Amino acid sequence: MDIALLIIGFLFMFVGLLGSFLPVLPGPPISWIGLLLLYLTKAVPDNWWLLGITLAVALIVFALDYIIPAMGTKKFGGTKAGMLGTTIGLLVAIFFPILGPIGIIVWPFVGALVGELLNKADKKTATKAAFGSFLGFLTGTFLKFMVTIVYLGLFITTAWEYKSALFPYFD
């Protein structure tokens, strides 16, 4: 059973990492579930303090992911259309990787710009608002990515520390 929890937990860590880029998946909370599964094994002793703190961080980052882009958009004079355009641009970058990895940066900005222009903003205002929306998106994405990387590091180091208990037949 421990091996199954370990494997499923690692899968949650991987999906959480993807969720730091995909707007439809809450990356840090999913990664936290991976940590929880690791600590539910019989091999790894309970550490409710670590789980509580990491859950709080995951939930705070999850909430900030909605607040930061809105703040960036608002600060630079943008609208909800720019934020929606940013999200659509990200989805275009993921599902149609025309520009490769650079598309993750270009398409959300283009989406925000198009969203603002469709919202009847002039080019200068639309560009400024698109930059704010894009900057907020990048900040939120970077924050989610860093948290999921830290959680993955915690998962790997903890699993490594208790490897003899997790894999008693391979010791």
C-alpha atoms as a PDB file:
ATOM      1  CA  MET A   1       0.000   0.000   0.000  1.00  0.00           C
ATOM      2  CA  ASP A   2       2.880   2.374   0.734  1.00  0.00           C
ATOM      3  CA  ILE A   3       4.228   1.983  -2.799  1.00  0.00           C
ATOM      4  CA  ALA A   4       0.801   2.809  -4.256  1.00  0.00           C
ATOM      5  CA  LEU A   5       0.523   5.941  -2.083  1.00  0.00           C
ATOM      6  CA  LEU A   6       4.054   6.943  -3.064  1.00  0.00           C
ATOM      7  CA  ILE A   7       3.354   6.545  -6.788  1.00  0.00           C
ATOM      8  CA  ILE A   8      -0.016   8.299  -6.637  1.00  0.00           C
ATOM      9  CA  GLY A   9       1.544  11.045  -4.526  1.00  0.00           C
ATOM     10  CA  PHE A  10       4.292  11.521  -7.108  1.00  0.00           C
ATOM     11  CA  LEU A  11       1.662  11.719  -9.855  1.00  0.00           C
ATOM     12  CA  PHE A  12      -0.117  14.428  -7.872  1.00  0.00           C
ATOM     13  CA  MET A  13       3.197  16.276  -7.599  1.00  0.00           C
ATOM     14  CA  PHE A  14       3.636  16.109 -11.381  1.00  0.00           C
ATOM     15  CA  VAL A  15       0.060  17.257 -12.064  1.00  0.00           C
ATOM     16  CA  GLY A  16       0.546  20.062  -9.521  1.00  0.00           C
ATOM     17  CA  LEU A  17       3.656  21.163 -11.375  1.00  0.00           C
ATOM     18  CA  LEU A  18       1.645  21.272 -14.606  1.00  0.00           C
ATOM     19  CA  GLY A  19      -1.056  23.145 -12.713  1.00  0.00           C
ATOM     20  CA  SER A  20       1.352  25.960 -11.987  1.00  0.00           C
ATOM     21  CA  PHE A  21       1.113  26.787 -15.725  1.00  0.00           C
ATOM     22  CA  LEU A  22      -2.376  25.569 -16.627  1.00  0.00           C
ATOM     23  CA  PRO A  23      -5.090  27.916 -15.380  1.00  0.00           C
ATOM     24  CA  VAL A  24      -7.628  25.086 -15.018  1.00  0.00           C
ATOM     25  CA  LEU A  25      -5.577  23.157 -12.436  1.00  0.00           C
ATOM     26  CA  PRO A  26      -4.830  24.506  -8.946  1.00  0.00           C
ATOM     27  CA  GLY A  27      -1.130  23.551  -8.876  1.00  0.00           C
ATOM     28  CA  PRO A  28      -0.095  24.098  -5.234  1.00  0.00           C
ATOM     29  CA  PRO A  29      -3.166  22.404  -3.685  1.00  0.00           C
ATOM     30  CA  ILE A  30      -2.728  19.407  -5.992  1.00  0.00           C
ATOM     31  CA  SER A  31       0.956  19.181  -5.064  1.00  0.00           C
ATOM     32  CA  TRP A  32      -0.009  19.406  -1.404  1.00  0.00           C
ATOM     33  CA  ILE A  33      -2.243  16.350  -1.855  1.00  0.00           C
ATOM     34  CA  GLY A  34       0.858  14.557  -3.135  1.00  0.00           C
ATOM     35  CA  LEU A  35       2.678  15.485   0.072  1.00  0.00           C
ATOM     36  CA  LEU A  36      -0.293  14.331   2.143  1.00  0.00           C
ATOM     37  CA  LEU A  37      -0.301  10.957   0.384  1.00  0.00           C
ATOM     38  CA  LEU A  38       3.392  10.521   1.151  1.00  0.00           C
ATOM     39  CA  TYR A  39       2.773  11.237   4.839  1.00  0.00           C
ATOM     40  CA  LEU A  40      -0.158   8.807   4.874  1.00  0.00           C
ATOM     41  CA  THR A  41       2.224   5.917   4.206  1.00  0.00           C
ATOM     42  CA  LYS A  42       3.171   3.774   7.183  1.00  0.00           C
ATOM     43  CA  ALA A  43       6.850   4.301   6.397  1.00  0.00           C
ATOM     44  CA  VAL A  44       6.874   8.080   6.825  1.00  0.00           C
ATOM     45  CA  PRO A  45       6.042   9.387  10.311  1.00  0.00           C
ATOM     46  CA  ASP A  46       3.281  11.977  10.609  1.00  0.00           C
ATOM     47  CA  ASN A  47       4.365  15.592  10.551  1.00  0.00           C
ATOM     48  CA  TRP A  48       1.159  17.552  11.005  1.00  0.00           C
ATOM     49  CA  TRP A  49       3.031  20.825  11.452  1.00  0.00           C
ATOM     50  CA  LEU A  50       4.647  20.509   8.033  1.00  0.00           C
ATOM     51  CA  LEU A  51       1.370  19.442   6.436  1.00  0.00           C
ATOM     52  CA  GLY A  52      -0.525  22.288   8.112  1.00  0.00           C
ATOM     53  CA  ILE A  53       1.977  24.945   7.099  1.00  0.00           C
ATOM     54  CA  THR A  54       2.270  23.666   3.531  1.00  0.00           C
ATOM     55  CA  LEU A  55      -1.542  23.509   3.250  1.00  0.00           C
ATOM     56  CA  ALA A  56      -1.821  27.111   4.435  1.00  0.00           C
ATOM     57  CA  VAL A  57       0.815  28.194   1.895  1.00  0.00           C
ATOM     58  CA  ALA A  58      -0.940  26.258  -0.887  1.00  0.00           C
ATOM     59  CA  LEU A  59      -4.277  27.897  -0.091  1.00  0.00           C
ATOM     60  CA  ILE A  60      -2.769  31.381   0.171  1.00  0.00           C
ATOM     61  CA  VAL A  61      -0.975  30.997  -3.157  1.00  0.00           C
ATOM     62  CA  PHE A  62      -4.188  29.609  -4.677  1.00  0.00           C
ATOM     63  CA  ALA A  63      -6.050  32.737  -3.561  1.00  0.00           C
ATOM     64  CA  LEU A  64      -3.242  35.058  -4.659  1.00  0.00           C
ATOM     65  CA  ASP A  65      -3.359  33.495  -8.113  1.00  0.00           C
ATOM     66  CA  TYR A  66      -6.704  35.228  -8.589  1.00  0.00           C
ATOM     67  CA  ILE A  67      -5.750  38.462  -6.854  1.00  0.00           C
ATOM     68  CA  ILE A  68      -2.328  39.205  -8.408  1.00  0.00           C
ATOM     69  CA  PRO A  69      -3.415  39.281 -12.085  1.00  0.00           C
ATOM     70  CA  ALA A  70      -6.405  41.449 -11.182  1.00  0.00           C
ATOM     71  CA  MET A  71      -4.118  43.848  -9.308  1.00  0.00           C
ATOM     72  CA  GLY A  72      -1.694  43.994 -12.244  1.00  0.00           C
ATOM     73  CA  THR A  73      -4.490  44.597 -14.711  1.00  0.00           C
ATOM     74  CA  LYS A  74      -6.134  47.245 -12.533  1.00  0.00           C
ATOM     75  CA  LYS A  75      -2.848  49.025 -11.802  1.00  0.00           C
ATOM     76  CA  PHE A  76      -2.125  49.353 -15.518  1.00  0.00           C
ATOM     77  CA  GLY A  77      -5.687  50.378 -16.439  1.00  0.00           C
ATOM     78  CA  GLY A  78      -6.903  47.056 -17.765  1.00  0.00           C
ATOM     79  CA  THR A  79     -10.266  45.352 -17.710  1.00  0.00           C
ATOM     80  CA  LYS A  80     -11.651  41.855 -17.280  1.00  0.00           C
ATOM     81  CA  ALA A  81     -11.415  41.498 -21.058  1.00  0.00           C
ATOM     82  CA  GLY A  82      -7.623  41.763 -20.782  1.00  0.00           C
ATOM     83  CA  MET A  83      -7.513  39.131 -18.058  1.00  0.00           C
ATOM     84  CA  LEU A  84      -9.750  36.836 -20.102  1.00  0.00           C
ATOM     85  CA  GLY A  85      -7.541  37.438 -23.128  1.00  0.00           C
ATOM     86  CA  THR A  86      -4.483  36.477 -21.075  1.00  0.00           C
ATOM     87  CA  THR A  87      -6.083  33.170 -20.121  1.00  0.00           C
ATOM     88  CA  ILE A  88      -7.167  32.445 -23.694  1.00  0.00           C
ATOM     89  CA  GLY A  89      -3.662  33.305 -24.896  1.00  0.00           C
ATOM     90  CA  LEU A  90      -2.189  30.843 -22.417  1.00  0.00           C
ATOM     91  CA  LEU A  91      -4.535  28.109 -23.612  1.00  0.00           C
ATOM     92  CA  VAL A  92      -3.522  28.836 -27.223  1.00  0.00           C
ATOM     93  CA  ALA A  93       0.133  28.537 -26.183  1.00  0.00           C
ATOM     94  CA  ILE A  94      -0.486  25.192 -24.505  1.00  0.00           C
ATOM     95  CA  PHE A  95      -2.752  23.523 -27.049  1.00  0.00           C
ATOM     96  CA  PHE A  96      -1.207  25.031 -30.189  1.00  0.00           C
ATOM     97  CA  PRO A  97       2.534  25.324 -29.476  1.00  0.00           C
ATOM     98  CA  ILE A  98       3.218  27.315 -32.646  1.00  0.00           C
ATOM     99  CA  LEU A  99       6.059  29.317 -31.127  1.00  0.00           C
ATOM    100  CA  GLY A 100       7.337  26.525 -28.887  1.00  0.00           C
ATOM    101  CA  PRO A 101       8.266  27.386 -25.290  1.00  0.00           C
ATOM    102  CA  ILE A 102       8.410  31.111 -26.065  1.00  0.00           C
ATOM    103  CA  GLY A 103       4.682  30.923 -26.812  1.00  0.00           C
ATOM    104  CA  ILE A 104       3.974  30.635 -23.069  1.00  0.00           C
ATOM    105  CA  ILE A 105       5.264  34.208 -22.824  1.00  0.00           C
ATOM    106  CA  VAL A 106       4.027  35.681 -26.128  1.00  0.00           C
ATOM    107  CA  TRP A 107       0.476  34.332 -26.395  1.00  0.00           C
ATOM    108  CA  PRO A 108      -0.841  35.521 -22.996  1.00  0.00           C
ATOM    109  CA  PHE A 109       0.368  39.037 -23.827  1.00  0.00           C
ATOM    110  CA  VAL A 110      -1.204  38.887 -27.294  1.00  0.00           C
ATOM    111  CA  GLY A 111      -4.427  37.575 -25.755  1.00  0.00           C
ATOM    112  CA  ALA A 112      -4.523  40.418 -23.233  1.00  0.00           C
ATOM    113  CA  LEU A 113      -3.863  42.969 -25.975  1.00  0.00           C
ATOM    114  CA  VAL A 114      -6.614  41.561 -28.197  1.00  0.00           C
ATOM    115  CA  GLY A 115      -8.988  41.424 -25.217  1.00  0.00           C
ATOM    116  CA  GLU A 116      -8.376  45.080 -24.433  1.00  0.00           C
ATOM    117  CA  LEU A 117      -8.684  46.134 -28.074  1.00  0.00           C
ATOM    118  CA  LEU A 118     -11.971  44.252 -28.375  1.00  0.00           C
ATOM    119  CA  ASN A 119     -13.060  46.074 -25.239  1.00  0.00           C
ATOM    120  CA  LYS A 120     -12.698  49.289 -27.293  1.00  0.00           C
ATOM    121  CA  ALA A 121      -9.507  50.565 -25.679  1.00  0.00           C
ATOM    122  CA  ASP A 122      -7.134  52.652 -27.800  1.00  0.00           C
ATOM    123  CA  LYS A 123      -3.821  51.026 -28.753  1.00  0.00           C
ATOM    124  CA  LYS A 124      -1.743  52.793 -26.117  1.00  0.00           C
ATOM    125  CA  THR A 125      -4.172  52.014 -23.285  1.00  0.00           C
ATOM    126  CA  ALA A 126      -4.653  48.455 -24.541  1.00  0.00           C
ATOM    127  CA  THR A 127      -0.900  47.851 -24.674  1.00  0.00           C
ATOM    128  CA  LYS A 128      -0.394  49.237 -21.180  1.00  0.00           C
ATOM    129  CA  ALA A 129      -3.295  47.203 -19.789  1.00  0.00           C
ATOM    130  CA  ALA A 130      -2.137  44.077 -21.611  1.00  0.00           C
ATOM    131  CA  PHE A 131       1.306  44.508 -20.071  1.00  0.00           C
ATOM    132  CA  GLY A 132      -0.228  44.805 -16.593  1.00  0.00           C
ATOM    133  CA  SER A 133      -2.403  41.749 -17.086  1.00  0.00           C
ATOM    134  CA  PHE A 134       0.530  39.823 -18.483  1.00  0.00           C
ATOM    135  CA  LEU A 135       2.818  40.915 -15.633  1.00  0.00           C
ATOM    136  CA  GLY A 136       0.231  39.816 -13.069  1.00  0.00           C
ATOM    137  CA  PHE A 137      -0.146  36.480 -14.851  1.00  0.00           C
ATOM    138  CA  LEU A 138       3.628  35.905 -14.902  1.00  0.00           C
ATOM    139  CA  THR A 139       3.929  36.807 -11.227  1.00  0.00           C
ATOM    140  CA  GLY A 140       1.172  34.394 -10.226  1.00  0.00           C
ATOM    141  CA  THR A 141       2.569  31.638 -12.430  1.00  0.00           C
ATOM    142  CA  PHE A 142       6.079  32.102 -11.045  1.00  0.00           C
ATOM    143  CA  LEU A 143       4.763  31.996  -7.482  1.00  0.00           C
ATOM    144  CA  LYS A 144       2.782  28.798  -8.132  1.00  0.00           C
ATOM    145  CA  PHE A 145       5.755  27.216  -9.888  1.00  0.00           C
ATOM    146  CA  MET A 146       8.122  27.995  -7.023  1.00  0.00           C
ATOM    147  CA  VAL A 147       5.717  26.565  -4.433  1.00  0.00           C
ATOM    148  CA  THR A 148       5.184  23.361  -6.430  1.00  0.00           C
ATOM    149  CA  ILE A 149       8.952  22.971  -6.906  1.00  0.00           C
ATOM    150  CA  VAL A 150       9.497  23.345  -3.145  1.00  0.00           C
ATOM    151  CA  TYR A 151       6.765  20.761  -2.494  1.00  0.00           C
ATOM    152  CA  LEU A 152       8.351  18.408  -5.016  1.00  0.00           C
ATOM    153  CA  GLY A 153      11.688  18.884  -3.244  1.00  0.00           C
ATOM    154  CA  LEU A 154      10.065  18.102   0.111  1.00  0.00           C
ATOM    155  CA  PHE A 155       8.427  15.026  -1.398  1.00  0.00           C
ATOM    156  CA  ILE A 156      11.664  13.696  -2.908  1.00  0.00           C
ATOM    157  CA  THR A 157      13.848  14.394   0.136  1.00  0.00           C
ATOM    158  CA  THR A 158      11.306  12.843   2.507  1.00  0.00           C
ATOM    159  CA  ALA A 159      10.846   9.784   0.291  1.00  0.00           C
ATOM    160  CA  TRP A 160      14.626   9.462   0.029  1.00  0.00           C
ATOM    161  CA  GLU A 161      15.062   9.800   3.787  1.00  0.00           C
ATOM    162  CA  TYR A 162      12.626   6.932   4.401  1.00  0.00           C
ATOM    163  CA  LYS A 163      13.549   4.869   1.340  1.00  0.00           C
ATOM    164  CA  SER A 164      14.541   1.829   3.404  1.00  0.00           C
ATOM    165  CA  ALA A 165      11.133   1.815   5.100  1.00  0.00           C
ATOM    166  CA  LEU A 166       9.297   2.480   1.824  1.00  0.00           C
ATOM    167  CA  PHE A 167      11.238  -0.154  -0.103  1.00  0.00           C
ATOM    168  CA  PRO A 168      12.210  -2.784   2.491  1.00  0.00           C
ATOM    169  CA  TYR A 169      12.782  -5.483  -0.126  1.00  0.00           C
ATOM    170  CA  PHE A 170      15.372  -3.430  -1.996  1.00  0.00           C
ATOM    171  CA  ASP A 171      17.524  -2.534   0.980  1.00  0.00           C
END
